[in-house]
Amino acid sequence: MRLIGLYVPVIKALTVAMIATLLGLMIVEVVMRYVFLSSLIWAEEACRYLLIWSSFLAAVLAYERGELANVELFRQRLPGKARLMATILANALCVAFLAVLVWYGSVFAARVGGQPIPAMRFLLGDLFGPEFPVPRMFWVYVSLPLGMALLAIRMSVDLVGNVKLLLRGGDAESDPGARGT
């Protein structure tokens, strides 16, 4: 649990930095376009990729705060032990689904991630020549498996904690720390 306490602030800092960078880039792009009648060729694409990365990382933060979509109406009608069992089942299904996303996201990133990032190819090619190494789309595509792996790890911690609680004879009402999706 201490490890979770360490990596959540890191994810929060990364997400905030990405969103701040995105906001700064968009402001610069608007000023460049409408004041100087020029445009940064790479700004829109960079903002898109920052948004993708921050969205997948923010899923962990949303889960941590209990803000992921869930179906509480059904679970709240169950008695304590049944509610805990429903939470365990929901978490197990979510972790399994996230594992599928991690697997296929990794396969996709490895398979098609070799293509260069389009705007970077133009920018770096113009600045340093066509032989200059350009960042690959892999770094964009890997955001899904990485973000979902981090979310699966966080959900797995709660899953293990809830299973331990159930095995000790506890229920969702006796332990306010019983969490789930």
C-alpha atoms as a PDB file:
ATOM      1  CA  MET A   1       0.000   0.000   0.000  1.00  0.00           C
ATOM      2  CA  ARG A   2       2.965   2.304   0.602  1.00  0.00           C
ATOM      3  CA  LEU A   3       4.017   1.854  -3.016  1.00  0.00           C
ATOM      4  CA  ILE A   4       0.571   3.051  -4.123  1.00  0.00           C
ATOM      5  CA  GLY A   5       1.048   6.056  -1.869  1.00  0.00           C
ATOM      6  CA  LEU A   6       4.252   6.812  -3.767  1.00  0.00           C
ATOM      7  CA  TYR A   7       3.169   6.338  -7.357  1.00  0.00           C
ATOM      8  CA  VAL A   8      -0.144   8.185  -7.164  1.00  0.00           C
ATOM      9  CA  PRO A   9       1.562  11.560  -6.449  1.00  0.00           C
ATOM     10  CA  VAL A  10       3.982  10.896  -9.316  1.00  0.00           C
ATOM     11  CA  ILE A  11       1.075  10.221 -11.682  1.00  0.00           C
ATOM     12  CA  LYS A  12      -0.680  13.336 -10.408  1.00  0.00           C
ATOM     13  CA  ALA A  13       2.424  15.478 -10.994  1.00  0.00           C
ATOM     14  CA  LEU A  14       2.906  14.048 -14.501  1.00  0.00           C
ATOM     15  CA  THR A  15      -0.738  14.608 -15.391  1.00  0.00           C
ATOM     16  CA  VAL A  16      -0.724  18.181 -14.096  1.00  0.00           C
ATOM     17  CA  ALA A  17       2.523  18.907 -15.965  1.00  0.00           C
ATOM     18  CA  MET A  18       1.073  17.485 -19.191  1.00  0.00           C
ATOM     19  CA  ILE A  19      -2.136  19.487 -18.905  1.00  0.00           C
ATOM     20  CA  ALA A  20      -0.210  22.667 -18.049  1.00  0.00           C
ATOM     21  CA  THR A  21       2.046  22.113 -21.064  1.00  0.00           C
ATOM     22  CA  LEU A  22      -0.996  21.477 -23.244  1.00  0.00           C
ATOM     23  CA  LEU A  23      -2.627  24.689 -22.039  1.00  0.00           C
ATOM     24  CA  GLY A  24       0.557  26.686 -22.556  1.00  0.00           C
ATOM     25  CA  LEU A  25       1.029  25.309 -26.070  1.00  0.00           C
ATOM     26  CA  MET A  26      -2.550  26.101 -27.027  1.00  0.00           C
ATOM     27  CA  ILE A  27      -2.210  29.679 -25.758  1.00  0.00           C
ATOM     28  CA  VAL A  28       1.035  30.127 -27.697  1.00  0.00           C
ATOM     29  CA  GLU A  29      -0.576  28.618 -30.806  1.00  0.00           C
ATOM     30  CA  VAL A  30      -3.594  30.954 -30.617  1.00  0.00           C
ATOM     31  CA  VAL A  31      -1.353  33.998 -30.146  1.00  0.00           C
ATOM     32  CA  MET A  32       0.911  32.893 -32.997  1.00  0.00           C
ATOM     33  CA  ARG A  33      -2.006  32.260 -35.327  1.00  0.00           C
ATOM     34  CA  TYR A  34      -4.154  35.321 -34.663  1.00  0.00           C
ATOM     35  CA  VAL A  35      -1.569  37.934 -33.650  1.00  0.00           C
ATOM     36  CA  PHE A  36       1.459  37.015 -35.748  1.00  0.00           C
ATOM     37  CA  LEU A  37      -0.482  35.291 -38.579  1.00  0.00           C
ATOM     38  CA  SER A  38       1.827  32.318 -38.322  1.00  0.00           C
ATOM     39  CA  SER A  39       1.452  28.895 -36.823  1.00  0.00           C
ATOM     40  CA  LEU A  40       3.547  26.285 -35.077  1.00  0.00           C
ATOM     41  CA  ILE A  41       3.411  23.219 -37.298  1.00  0.00           C
ATOM     42  CA  TRP A  42       3.754  20.842 -34.370  1.00  0.00           C
ATOM     43  CA  ALA A  43       1.599  22.464 -31.660  1.00  0.00           C
ATOM     44  CA  GLU A  44      -1.751  20.879 -32.509  1.00  0.00           C
ATOM     45  CA  GLU A  45      -0.247  17.427 -32.786  1.00  0.00           C
ATOM     46  CA  ALA A  46       1.719  17.825 -29.554  1.00  0.00           C
ATOM     47  CA  CYS A  47      -1.454  18.938 -27.750  1.00  0.00           C
ATOM     48  CA  ARG A  48      -3.330  15.934 -29.081  1.00  0.00           C
ATOM     49  CA  TYR A  49      -0.677  13.549 -27.784  1.00  0.00           C
ATOM     50  CA  LEU A  50      -0.450  15.314 -24.429  1.00  0.00           C
ATOM     51  CA  LEU A  51      -4.222  15.001 -24.074  1.00  0.00           C
ATOM     52  CA  ILE A  52      -4.084  11.287 -24.875  1.00  0.00           C
ATOM     53  CA  TRP A  53      -1.330  10.664 -22.331  1.00  0.00           C
ATOM     54  CA  SER A  54      -2.924  12.775 -19.608  1.00  0.00           C
ATOM     55  CA  SER A  55      -6.296  11.067 -20.125  1.00  0.00           C
ATOM     56  CA  PHE A  56      -4.911   7.572 -19.648  1.00  0.00           C
ATOM     57  CA  LEU A  57      -2.836   8.594 -16.641  1.00  0.00           C
ATOM     58  CA  ALA A  58      -5.765  10.490 -15.124  1.00  0.00           C
ATOM     59  CA  ALA A  59      -7.819   7.279 -15.115  1.00  0.00           C
ATOM     60  CA  VAL A  60      -5.713   6.136 -12.150  1.00  0.00           C
ATOM     61  CA  LEU A  61      -6.400   9.396 -10.343  1.00  0.00           C
ATOM     62  CA  ALA A  62     -10.120   9.150 -11.100  1.00  0.00           C
ATOM     63  CA  TYR A  63     -10.208   5.639  -9.639  1.00  0.00           C
ATOM     64  CA  GLU A  64      -8.255   6.783  -6.604  1.00  0.00           C
ATOM     65  CA  ARG A  65     -10.869   9.473  -5.945  1.00  0.00           C
ATOM     66  CA  GLY A  66     -13.813   7.147  -6.644  1.00  0.00           C
ATOM     67  CA  GLU A  67     -14.785   9.049  -9.787  1.00  0.00           C
ATOM     68  CA  LEU A  68     -14.781   6.236 -12.338  1.00  0.00           C
ATOM     69  CA  ALA A  69     -18.182   5.269 -13.672  1.00  0.00           C
ATOM     70  CA  ASN A  70     -19.770   2.486 -11.653  1.00  0.00           C
ATOM     71  CA  VAL A  71     -23.141   1.032 -10.837  1.00  0.00           C
ATOM     72  CA  GLU A  72     -23.735   1.864  -7.189  1.00  0.00           C
ATOM     73  CA  LEU A  73     -27.508   1.564  -7.374  1.00  0.00           C
ATOM     74  CA  PHE A  74     -27.370  -2.229  -7.645  1.00  0.00           C
ATOM     75  CA  ARG A  75     -24.604  -2.706  -5.115  1.00  0.00           C
ATOM     76  CA  GLN A  76     -26.128  -0.408  -2.476  1.00  0.00           C
ATOM     77  CA  ARG A  77     -29.210  -2.622  -2.309  1.00  0.00           C
ATOM     78  CA  LEU A  78     -27.145  -5.659  -1.304  1.00  0.00           C
ATOM     79  CA  PRO A  79     -26.400  -6.604   2.312  1.00  0.00           C
ATOM     80  CA  GLY A  80     -22.802  -6.169   3.566  1.00  0.00           C
ATOM     81  CA  LYS A  81     -21.192  -9.503   2.618  1.00  0.00           C
ATOM     82  CA  ALA A  82     -23.016  -9.725  -0.719  1.00  0.00           C
ATOM     83  CA  ARG A  83     -21.981  -6.141  -1.459  1.00  0.00           C
ATOM     84  CA  LEU A  84     -18.358  -7.039  -0.768  1.00  0.00           C
ATOM     85  CA  MET A  85     -18.635 -10.099  -3.031  1.00  0.00           C
ATOM     86  CA  ALA A  86     -20.158  -7.952  -5.796  1.00  0.00           C
ATOM     87  CA  THR A  87     -17.296  -5.485  -5.365  1.00  0.00           C
ATOM     88  CA  ILE A  88     -14.761  -8.318  -5.646  1.00  0.00           C
ATOM     89  CA  LEU A  89     -16.466  -9.662  -8.769  1.00  0.00           C
ATOM     90  CA  ALA A  90     -16.619  -6.213 -10.372  1.00  0.00           C
ATOM     91  CA  ASN A  91     -12.959  -5.535  -9.575  1.00  0.00           C
ATOM     92  CA  ALA A  92     -11.886  -8.929 -10.915  1.00  0.00           C
ATOM     93  CA  LEU A  93     -13.785  -8.349 -14.167  1.00  0.00           C
ATOM     94  CA  CYS A  94     -12.313  -4.858 -14.511  1.00  0.00           C
ATOM     95  CA  VAL A  95      -8.771  -6.112 -13.908  1.00  0.00           C
ATOM     96  CA  ALA A  96      -9.324  -8.861 -16.511  1.00  0.00           C
ATOM     97  CA  PHE A  97     -10.638  -6.319 -19.030  1.00  0.00           C
ATOM     98  CA  LEU A  98      -7.727  -3.992 -18.309  1.00  0.00           C
ATOM     99  CA  ALA A  99      -5.323  -6.906 -18.840  1.00  0.00           C
ATOM    100  CA  VAL A 100      -6.849  -7.433 -22.298  1.00  0.00           C
ATOM    101  CA  LEU A 101      -6.431  -3.722 -23.057  1.00  0.00           C
ATOM    102  CA  VAL A 102      -2.818  -3.824 -21.890  1.00  0.00           C
ATOM    103  CA  TRP A 103      -2.084  -6.897 -24.001  1.00  0.00           C
ATOM    104  CA  TYR A 104      -3.683  -5.725 -27.230  1.00  0.00           C
ATOM    105  CA  GLY A 105      -2.520  -2.148 -26.711  1.00  0.00           C
ATOM    106  CA  SER A 106       1.047  -3.414 -26.393  1.00  0.00           C
ATOM    107  CA  VAL A 107       0.680  -5.568 -29.496  1.00  0.00           C
ATOM    108  CA  PHE A 108      -0.748  -2.615 -31.434  1.00  0.00           C
ATOM    109  CA  ALA A 109       1.981  -0.232 -30.240  1.00  0.00           C
ATOM    110  CA  ALA A 110       4.691  -2.716 -31.206  1.00  0.00           C
ATOM    111  CA  ARG A 111       3.109  -3.510 -34.559  1.00  0.00           C
ATOM    112  CA  VAL A 112       2.358  -0.033 -35.906  1.00  0.00           C
ATOM    113  CA  GLY A 113       4.378   2.195 -33.603  1.00  0.00           C
ATOM    114  CA  GLY A 114       7.361   2.328 -35.934  1.00  0.00           C
ATOM    115  CA  GLN A 115       5.984   5.115 -38.082  1.00  0.00           C
ATOM    116  CA  PRO A 116       7.381   8.583 -37.370  1.00  0.00           C
ATOM    117  CA  ILE A 117       5.293  11.265 -35.689  1.00  0.00           C
ATOM    118  CA  PRO A 118       4.180  13.311 -38.739  1.00  0.00           C
ATOM    119  CA  ALA A 119       4.757  16.872 -37.528  1.00  0.00           C
ATOM    120  CA  MET A 120       8.071  15.948 -35.932  1.00  0.00           C
ATOM    121  CA  ARG A 121       9.247  14.460 -39.219  1.00  0.00           C
ATOM    122  CA  PHE A 122       8.624  17.791 -40.969  1.00  0.00           C
ATOM    123  CA  LEU A 123      10.085  19.891 -38.165  1.00  0.00           C
ATOM    124  CA  LEU A 124      13.188  17.832 -37.414  1.00  0.00           C
ATOM    125  CA  GLY A 125      13.722  17.005 -41.079  1.00  0.00           C
ATOM    126  CA  ASP A 126      13.759  20.703 -41.955  1.00  0.00           C
ATOM    127  CA  LEU A 127      16.021  21.606 -39.045  1.00  0.00           C
ATOM    128  CA  PHE A 128      18.519  18.750 -39.088  1.00  0.00           C
ATOM    129  CA  GLY A 129      18.062  16.978 -42.408  1.00  0.00           C
ATOM    130  CA  PRO A 130      16.063  13.932 -43.510  1.00  0.00           C
ATOM    131  CA  GLU A 131      18.430  11.444 -41.827  1.00  0.00           C
ATOM    132  CA  PHE A 132      17.837  12.841 -38.335  1.00  0.00           C
ATOM    133  CA  PRO A 133      16.066  10.271 -36.095  1.00  0.00           C
ATOM    134  CA  VAL A 134      12.435  11.218 -35.533  1.00  0.00           C
ATOM    135  CA  PRO A 135      10.342  10.107 -32.524  1.00  0.00           C
ATOM    136  CA  ARG A 136       7.993   7.264 -33.392  1.00  0.00           C
ATOM    137  CA  MET A 137       4.242   6.859 -32.908  1.00  0.00           C
ATOM    138  CA  PHE A 138       5.068   4.047 -30.492  1.00  0.00           C
ATOM    139  CA  TRP A 139       5.351   6.679 -27.750  1.00  0.00           C
ATOM    140  CA  VAL A 140       1.791   7.780 -28.417  1.00  0.00           C
ATOM    141  CA  TYR A 141       0.335   4.284 -28.754  1.00  0.00           C
ATOM    142  CA  VAL A 142       2.032   2.962 -25.625  1.00  0.00           C
ATOM    143  CA  SER A 143       0.010   5.420 -23.508  1.00  0.00           C
ATOM    144  CA  LEU A 144      -2.992   3.063 -23.530  1.00  0.00           C
ATOM    145  CA  PRO A 145      -1.246  -0.072 -22.246  1.00  0.00           C
ATOM    146  CA  LEU A 146       0.797   1.895 -19.725  1.00  0.00           C
ATOM    147  CA  GLY A 147      -2.169   3.833 -18.356  1.00  0.00           C
ATOM    148  CA  MET A 148      -4.343   0.731 -18.183  1.00  0.00           C
ATOM    149  CA  ALA A 149      -1.538  -1.281 -16.538  1.00  0.00           C
ATOM    150  CA  LEU A 150      -1.219   1.374 -13.832  1.00  0.00           C
ATOM    151  CA  LEU A 151      -4.992   1.322 -13.340  1.00  0.00           C
ATOM    152  CA  ALA A 152      -5.007  -2.498 -13.207  1.00  0.00           C
ATOM    153  CA  ILE A 153      -2.274  -2.449 -10.562  1.00  0.00           C
ATOM    154  CA  ARG A 154      -4.256   0.023  -8.461  1.00  0.00           C
ATOM    155  CA  MET A 155      -7.465  -1.991  -8.821  1.00  0.00           C
ATOM    156  CA  SER A 156      -5.598  -5.213  -8.009  1.00  0.00           C
ATOM    157  CA  VAL A 157      -4.467  -3.738  -4.702  1.00  0.00           C
ATOM    158  CA  ASP A 158      -8.104  -3.100  -3.776  1.00  0.00           C
ATOM    159  CA  LEU A 159      -9.120  -6.522  -5.094  1.00  0.00           C
ATOM    160  CA  VAL A 160      -6.573  -8.275  -2.865  1.00  0.00           C
ATOM    161  CA  GLY A 161      -7.587  -6.132   0.109  1.00  0.00           C
ATOM    162  CA  ASN A 162     -11.266  -6.930  -0.420  1.00  0.00           C
ATOM    163  CA  VAL A 163     -10.584 -10.673  -0.773  1.00  0.00           C
ATOM    164  CA  LYS A 164      -8.584 -10.589   2.477  1.00  0.00           C
ATOM    165  CA  LEU A 165     -11.459  -8.748   4.142  1.00  0.00           C
ATOM    166  CA  LEU A 166     -13.934 -11.373   2.917  1.00  0.00           C
ATOM    167  CA  LEU A 167     -11.708 -14.242   4.110  1.00  0.00           C
ATOM    168  CA  ARG A 168     -11.476 -12.633   7.563  1.00  0.00           C
ATOM    169  CA  GLY A 169     -15.266 -12.643   7.699  1.00  0.00           C
ATOM    170  CA  GLY A 170     -15.673  -8.918   7.205  1.00  0.00           C
ATOM    171  CA  ASP A 171     -18.134  -7.175   4.956  1.00  0.00           C
ATOM    172  CA  ALA A 172     -18.459  -3.884   3.102  1.00  0.00           C
ATOM    173  CA  GLU A 173     -20.327  -2.288   6.003  1.00  0.00           C
ATOM    174  CA  SER A 174     -17.776  -3.234   8.669  1.00  0.00           C
ATOM    175  CA  ASP A 175     -14.814  -1.833   6.717  1.00  0.00           C
ATOM    176  CA  PRO A 176     -15.226   1.571   5.095  1.00  0.00           C
ATOM    177  CA  GLY A 177     -11.964   0.874   3.257  1.00  0.00           C
ATOM    178  CA  ALA A 178     -13.643  -1.753   1.070  1.00  0.00           C
ATOM    179  CA  ARG A 179     -13.323  -0.175  -2.353  1.00  0.00           C
ATOM    180  CA  GLY A 180     -14.104  -1.161  -5.826  1.00  0.00           C
ATOM    181  CA  THR A 181     -15.503  -0.240  -9.156  1.00  0.00           C
END
